[in-house]
Protein backbone atom coordinates (compact mmCIF):
# COMPACT_ATOMS: atom_id res chain seq x y z
CA MET A 1 0.00 0.00 0.00
CA ASP A 2 1.29 3.47 -0.89
CA ILE A 3 2.25 5.45 2.24
CA GLN A 4 0.19 8.50 1.28
CA TYR A 5 -2.85 6.36 0.58
CA PHE A 6 -2.31 4.58 3.92
CA ILE A 7 -2.29 7.95 5.70
CA ARG A 8 -5.36 9.28 3.88
CA GLU A 9 -7.25 6.05 4.51
CA HIS A 10 -6.67 5.94 8.28
CA LYS A 11 -6.12 9.58 9.26
CA PRO A 12 -9.79 9.97 10.37
CA VAL A 13 -9.25 7.19 12.93
CA TRP A 14 -6.13 8.82 14.29
CA SER A 15 -7.72 12.26 14.42
CA GLU A 16 -10.73 10.88 16.29
CA LEU A 17 -8.43 9.12 18.74
CA GLU A 18 -6.47 12.34 19.36
CA GLN A 19 -9.67 14.27 20.02
CA LEU A 20 -11.04 11.54 22.27
CA LEU A 21 -7.85 11.53 24.34
CA GLU A 22 -8.27 15.18 25.33
CA PRO A 23 -10.98 14.65 28.00
CA PHE A 24 -9.10 11.62 29.33
CA GLU A 25 -5.92 13.66 29.75
CA ARG A 26 -7.71 16.72 31.19
CA SER A 27 -10.20 15.34 33.68
CA LYS A 28 -11.47 11.79 33.75
CA ARG A 29 -14.47 12.78 35.86
CA THR A 30 -16.31 13.88 32.73
CA VAL A 31 -15.55 10.68 30.79
CA GLN A 32 -18.50 8.43 30.04
CA ALA A 33 -18.58 4.66 29.60
CA MET A 34 -19.34 5.02 25.90
CA GLN A 35 -16.18 7.06 25.45
CA ILE A 36 -14.10 4.40 27.20
CA ASP A 37 -15.47 1.71 24.88
CA ARG A 38 -14.78 3.88 21.85
CA LEU A 39 -11.27 4.69 23.06
CA THR A 40 -10.54 0.98 23.53
CA LEU A 41 -11.64 0.21 19.98
CA LEU A 42 -9.69 3.08 18.46
CA TYR A 43 -6.64 2.12 20.53
CA LYS A 44 -6.64 -1.41 19.18
CA THR A 45 -7.15 -0.15 15.65
CA ALA A 46 -4.31 2.38 15.92
CA SER A 47 -2.09 -0.33 17.46
CA ALA A 48 -2.72 -2.50 14.40
CA HIS A 49 -1.91 0.47 12.15
CA LEU A 50 1.33 0.94 14.11
CA ALA A 51 2.28 -2.72 13.63
CA PHE A 52 1.54 -2.43 9.91
CA ALA A 53 3.57 0.78 9.57
CA GLN A 54 6.51 -0.69 11.50
CA THR A 55 6.55 -3.60 9.04
CA TYR A 56 6.06 -1.81 5.73
CA TYR A 57 7.20 1.79 6.41
CA PRO A 58 9.86 1.46 9.15
CA GLY A 59 11.74 4.61 8.13
CA ASP A 60 8.75 6.90 7.71
CA GLU A 61 7.72 9.62 10.20
CA ILE A 62 4.33 7.96 10.53
CA VAL A 63 5.89 5.31 12.80
CA PRO A 64 6.94 7.64 15.67
CA PHE A 65 3.64 9.52 15.31
CA LEU A 66 1.59 6.35 15.72
CA ASN A 67 3.89 5.13 18.47
CA GLN A 68 3.26 8.27 20.51
CA LEU A 69 -0.47 8.18 19.80
CA VAL A 70 -0.73 4.55 20.91
CA SER A 71 1.37 5.29 24.01
CA ARG A 72 -0.96 8.15 24.97
CA ALA A 73 -3.98 5.92 24.54
CA HIS A 74 -2.32 3.19 26.60
CA GLN A 75 -1.69 5.71 29.37
CA ALA A 76 -5.30 6.88 29.28
CA LEU A 77 -6.70 3.35 29.46
CA PHE A 78 -4.32 1.52 31.78
CA ALA A 79 -2.55 4.17 33.81
CA GLY A 80 -5.48 6.45 34.46
CA GLN A 81 -5.82 5.34 38.06
CA ARG A 82 -2.36 6.62 38.92
CA GLN A 83 -1.66 9.86 40.67
CA PRO A 84 0.04 12.65 38.69
CA ALA A 85 3.36 11.79 40.36
CA GLY A 86 3.00 8.22 39.10
CA ARG A 87 2.34 9.39 35.55
CA LEU A 88 5.35 11.70 35.73
CA ALA A 89 7.56 8.85 36.93
CA ASP A 90 6.26 6.66 34.12
CA PHE A 91 7.13 9.38 31.60
CA PHE A 92 10.77 9.40 32.69
CA LYS A 93 10.90 5.61 33.06
CA ARG A 94 9.47 4.67 29.67
CA GLN A 95 8.52 7.49 27.35
CA PHE A 96 11.26 10.11 27.48
CA ILE A 97 14.04 7.85 26.22
CA GLY A 98 11.68 6.61 23.51
CA PHE A 99 11.14 10.19 22.34
CA VAL A 100 14.90 10.81 22.41
CA LEU A 101 15.56 7.73 20.27
CA GLU A 102 12.86 8.71 17.80
CA ARG A 103 14.49 12.12 17.34
CA ARG A 104 18.06 10.84 17.51
CA ARG A 105 18.91 12.12 14.02
CA PHE A 106 18.01 15.69 14.93
CA ILE A 107 19.80 15.41 18.28
CA ALA A 108 22.86 14.11 16.41
CA ALA A 109 22.53 17.08 14.04
CA ALA A 110 22.53 19.42 17.07
CA LEU A 111 25.71 17.70 18.33
CA LEU A 112 27.32 18.06 14.89
CA LEU A 113 26.52 21.77 14.72
CA PHE A 114 28.03 22.25 18.17
CA ILE A 115 31.19 20.39 17.10
CA ILE A 116 31.49 22.49 13.92
CA GLY A 117 31.21 25.64 16.01
CA GLY A 118 33.71 24.29 18.52
CA LEU A 119 36.30 23.45 15.86
CA SER A 120 35.84 26.85 14.22
CA GLY A 121 36.35 28.67 17.52
CA PHE A 122 39.37 26.57 18.42
CA LEU A 123 41.10 27.04 15.06
CA ALA A 124 40.35 30.77 14.99
CA VAL A 125 41.96 31.43 18.39
CA TRP A 126 44.75 28.90 17.84
CA SER A 127 45.84 30.66 14.65
CA ASP A 128 45.64 34.12 16.24
CA PRO A 129 44.95 34.61 19.98
CA LEU A 130 43.56 38.08 19.27
CA ASN A 131 40.61 36.43 17.54
CA LEU A 132 39.34 35.65 21.05
CA TYR A 133 38.04 39.23 21.21
CA THR A 134 36.12 38.62 17.99
CA VAL A 135 34.56 35.36 19.11
CA ILE A 136 33.81 36.30 22.73
CA PRO A 137 32.47 39.65 24.04
CA ALA A 138 35.37 41.89 25.03
CA GLN A 139 34.38 42.21 28.70
CA ILE A 140 34.35 38.42 29.05
CA ALA A 141 37.56 37.89 27.06
CA GLU A 142 39.43 40.39 29.25
CA SER A 143 38.42 38.55 32.41
CA ILE A 144 39.77 35.17 31.23
CA ASN A 145 42.95 34.13 33.04
CA PRO A 146 43.94 30.48 32.42
CA HIS A 147 46.23 30.53 35.47
CA GLN A 148 43.43 31.50 37.86
CA VAL A 149 41.11 28.54 37.19
CA GLY A 150 39.66 27.19 40.43
CA ARG A 151 40.88 30.06 42.61
CA GLY A 152 38.43 32.02 44.68
CA HIS A 153 35.69 29.37 44.42
CA ASP A 154 35.68 28.90 48.17
CA ASP A 155 34.09 32.33 48.47
CA LEU A 156 31.14 31.45 46.24
CA GLN A 157 27.73 30.75 47.70
CA SER A 158 27.08 27.33 46.21
CA ALA A 159 23.29 27.37 46.58
CA VAL A 160 22.94 30.75 44.87
CA MET A 161 25.42 29.81 42.16
CA SER A 162 23.67 26.49 41.54
CA SER A 163 20.22 28.05 41.11
CA THR A 164 21.59 30.83 38.88
CA ILE A 165 23.39 28.40 36.58
CA MET A 166 20.41 26.06 36.45
CA THR A 167 18.04 28.90 35.53
CA ASN A 168 20.38 30.16 32.82
CA ASN A 169 20.81 26.70 31.27
CA ILE A 170 17.07 26.08 31.19
CA ARG A 171 16.63 29.47 29.53
CA VAL A 172 19.15 28.50 26.82
CA ALA A 173 17.35 25.20 26.24
CA VAL A 174 13.95 26.86 26.00
CA LEU A 175 15.36 29.42 23.57
CA ALA A 176 16.88 26.65 21.41
CA PHE A 177 13.49 24.89 21.37
CA VAL A 178 11.39 27.98 20.69
CA SER A 179 13.80 29.04 17.95
CA GLY A 180 12.48 26.16 15.89
CA ILE A 181 9.68 28.52 14.86
CA THR A 182 12.27 30.40 12.77
CA PHE A 183 12.46 27.30 10.54
CA GLY A 184 15.29 26.17 12.80
CA LEU A 185 17.67 28.93 11.68
CA LEU A 186 18.04 30.54 15.11
CA THR A 187 18.47 27.10 16.68
CA VAL A 188 21.32 26.44 14.26
CA TYR A 189 22.89 29.78 15.22
CA LEU A 190 22.63 29.08 18.97
CA LEU A 191 24.24 25.65 18.65
CA LEU A 192 27.06 26.98 16.46
CA TYR A 193 27.67 29.96 18.74
CA ASN A 194 27.77 27.92 21.95
CA GLY A 195 30.20 25.54 20.29
CA LEU A 196 32.24 28.53 19.12
CA LEU A 197 32.58 29.79 22.71
CA ILE A 198 33.71 26.42 24.07
CA GLY A 199 36.16 25.95 21.20
CA ALA A 200 37.69 29.40 21.70
CA LEU A 201 38.13 28.84 25.45
CA THR A 202 39.66 25.43 24.79
CA ALA A 203 42.28 27.03 22.54
CA VAL A 204 43.13 29.66 25.18
CA PHE A 205 43.69 27.10 27.91
CA TRP A 206 45.51 24.72 25.56
CA GLN A 207 48.00 27.41 24.54
CA SER A 208 48.63 28.29 28.18
CA GLY A 209 49.22 24.65 29.16
CA ASN A 210 46.17 24.54 31.46
CA SER A 211 43.92 22.35 29.32
CA TYR A 212 43.90 19.51 31.87
CA ARG A 213 42.69 21.81 34.65
CA PHE A 214 40.17 23.52 32.34
CA TRP A 215 38.39 20.28 31.42
CA ALA A 216 38.44 19.12 35.03
CA TYR A 217 36.20 22.10 35.81
CA ILE A 218 34.00 21.65 32.73
CA LEU A 219 33.28 17.93 32.39
CA PRO A 220 31.68 17.11 35.79
CA HIS A 221 28.62 19.21 34.97
CA GLY A 222 29.23 19.61 31.23
CA ILE A 223 28.41 16.05 30.15
CA ILE A 224 24.85 16.18 31.49
CA GLU A 225 24.41 19.85 30.60
CA LEU A 226 25.49 19.44 26.98
CA ALA A 227 23.40 16.29 26.56
CA ALA A 228 20.33 18.27 27.64
CA ILE A 229 21.20 21.17 25.31
CA PHE A 230 21.61 18.78 22.37
CA ILE A 231 18.20 17.23 23.12
CA ALA A 232 16.54 20.66 23.32
CA GLY A 233 18.38 21.75 20.18
CA GLY A 234 17.27 18.60 18.38
CA ALA A 235 13.68 19.37 19.36
CA GLY A 236 14.02 22.85 17.83
CA LEU A 237 15.61 21.47 14.66
CA TYR A 238 12.80 18.95 14.26
CA MET A 239 10.21 21.69 14.60
CA GLY A 240 11.99 23.74 11.96
CA TYR A 241 12.32 20.73 9.67
CA ARG A 242 8.61 20.01 9.87
CA MET A 243 7.79 23.62 9.04
CA ILE A 244 9.86 23.26 5.87
CA ASN A 245 8.84 19.70 5.04
CA PRO A 246 5.36 18.86 6.41
CA GLY A 247 5.18 15.65 4.37
CA PRO A 248 1.69 14.48 3.38
CA TYR A 249 0.07 16.75 6.02
CA THR A 250 -0.83 20.42 5.95
CA ARG A 251 1.91 22.75 7.20
CA LYS A 252 -0.25 24.01 10.08
CA TYR A 253 -1.17 20.51 11.27
CA MET A 254 2.44 19.30 11.08
CA PHE A 255 3.71 22.38 12.90
CA LEU A 256 1.26 21.94 15.79
CA ARG A 257 2.06 18.24 16.02
CA SER A 258 5.82 18.84 16.00
CA VAL A 259 5.41 21.45 18.76
CA LYS A 260 3.63 18.91 20.98
CA GLU A 261 6.21 16.21 20.32
CA SER A 262 9.20 18.52 20.78
CA ALA A 263 7.76 20.01 23.98
CA LEU A 264 7.90 16.56 25.56
CA LEU A 265 11.61 16.41 24.81
CA LEU A 266 12.09 19.85 26.36
CA VAL A 267 10.22 18.85 29.53
CA GLY A 268 12.41 15.77 29.82
CA THR A 269 15.58 17.88 29.88
CA ILE A 270 14.58 19.91 32.94
CA PRO A 271 15.74 17.30 35.51
CA LEU A 272 19.03 17.04 33.60
CA PHE A 273 19.57 20.78 33.93
CA VAL A 274 18.68 20.63 37.63
CA ILE A 275 21.29 17.91 38.19
CA ALA A 276 23.89 19.79 36.11
CA GLY A 277 23.21 22.99 38.05
CA ILE A 278 23.66 21.24 41.40
CA ILE A 279 26.93 19.69 40.22
CA GLU A 280 28.19 23.03 38.89
CA GLY A 281 27.26 24.75 42.13
CA TYR A 282 28.70 22.22 44.57
CA ILE A 283 31.10 19.76 42.86
CA THR A 284 32.80 21.91 40.22
CA PRO A 285 34.06 24.64 42.62
CA SER A 286 34.87 22.17 45.41
CA GLY A 287 38.34 21.37 46.72
CA LEU A 288 38.33 17.90 45.12
CA SER A 289 41.45 16.95 43.21
CA LEU A 290 41.43 17.23 39.43
CA GLU A 291 41.58 13.45 39.15
CA ALA A 292 38.53 13.12 41.40
CA LYS A 293 36.63 15.57 39.21
CA TYR A 294 37.50 13.57 36.10
CA ALA A 295 36.34 10.42 37.89
CA PHE A 296 33.08 12.15 38.82
CA ALA A 297 32.60 13.18 35.16
CA GLY A 298 33.05 9.54 34.17
CA LEU A 299 30.34 8.56 36.67
CA THR A 300 27.91 11.08 35.16
CA LEU A 301 28.55 9.62 31.70
CA LEU A 302 28.01 6.11 33.04
CA ALA A 303 24.80 7.21 34.78
CA LEU A 304 23.46 8.68 31.52
CA ALA A 305 24.25 5.44 29.67
CA VAL A 306 22.52 3.36 32.35
CA TYR A 307 19.45 5.62 32.23
CA VAL A 308 19.21 5.26 28.44
CA LEU A 309 19.48 1.47 28.66
CA TYR A 310 16.92 1.44 31.47
CA GLY A 311 14.49 3.51 29.39
CA ILE A 312 14.96 1.21 26.39
CA ALA A 313 14.34 -1.88 28.53
CA ASN A 314 11.16 -0.37 30.03
CA GLY A 315 9.91 0.62 26.58
CA ARG A 316 10.38 -2.92 25.31
CA LYS A 317 8.64 -4.30 28.37
CA LEU A 318 5.65 -2.05 27.67
CA LEU A 319 5.57 -3.25 24.05
CA LEU A 320 5.66 -6.89 25.15
CA ASP A 321 2.85 -6.26 27.65
CA GLU A 322 0.71 -4.74 24.91
CA THR A 323 1.46 -7.62 22.56
CA SER A 324 0.59 -10.21 25.19
CA HIS A 325 -2.80 -8.53 25.63
CA GLY A 326 -3.44 -8.74 21.91
CA LEU A 327 -3.25 -5.00 21.40
CA HIS A 328 -1.31 -5.43 18.19
CA ALA A 329 -3.49 -8.23 16.91
CA PRO A 330 -3.83 -8.36 13.12
CA ASP A 331 -7.62 -8.78 13.11
CA VAL A 332 -8.07 -5.09 12.38
CA GLN A 333 -4.96 -4.72 10.26
CA PRO A 334 -5.68 -2.72 7.12
CA GLU A 335 -5.79 -4.76 3.95
CA PRO A 336 -3.30 -3.65 1.31
CA LYS A 337 -4.98 -1.56 -1.35
CA ARG A 338 -3.67 -0.15 -4.54
CA SER A 339 -3.43 3.59 -4.73
CA PRO A 340 -5.97 5.04 -7.13
CA VAL A 341 -4.51 6.42 -10.36
């Protein structure tokens, strides 16, 4: 079956399911028994459509769309009795990593843009140290002293510093996400510019022979912080991409859908920024040895890897549970039809 014909044929079912989910996700007190029965039927139908799309159109955007739609319906039907805290925990246990994996190409693109900016900044300052004043605002460039890294941190108020850094990082992430509305152009600029700053600073500390100390103060919080920025940047890039290329949908519909999907990614990064802010406020300026700070950075990387694997395992468990209940049964699978000429 042609993918566009498949979408046209079954889009009414998906649209009805999306509309029906709204009262379930707002307030279940107004939900009637008839709506529950209808939601169950639509859920099973959409699950069959998902199984069909995963088999015949595995690389198409319709697969993550149906996957999210089916997940929302599953939550409404089987997790509705949970308290909000339980639903939030389930989001971070199962769904967030699934969303990250579905948008991994755009997150990788955000990482690539950051690397390009970083290399450009490094090479510019390495070739001529005076270029630092071109890359970085003059008042900041004048305050950089590679030989003073780590000094005076004992006088900082860690709690105030932590909250300030955390707020600033969340602001950057939100800006990278919202910038997707500029067709992703401002998101591209933000990723390149932030990479440019890091690259320029790296060159300064490398030339002064303090690179080892510099990274010891960057990596403990930087691994988690940059991962969150890349996720938020990937969300903004996806939004911009869908504004340019809406596929078989209308541009307005695809834009609104991409905003909803990308917002979930942004929400998922908030705990990462909180953790990074705490580390930057308490661990980074601490009196720990440089080796201990590198070891701590390695632990943060390991923790991120474990969380990703945990999310993947929980997502697979959810899929197996649905399959065992017959939610992907082929009895309502669409029959292949030829696209009309």
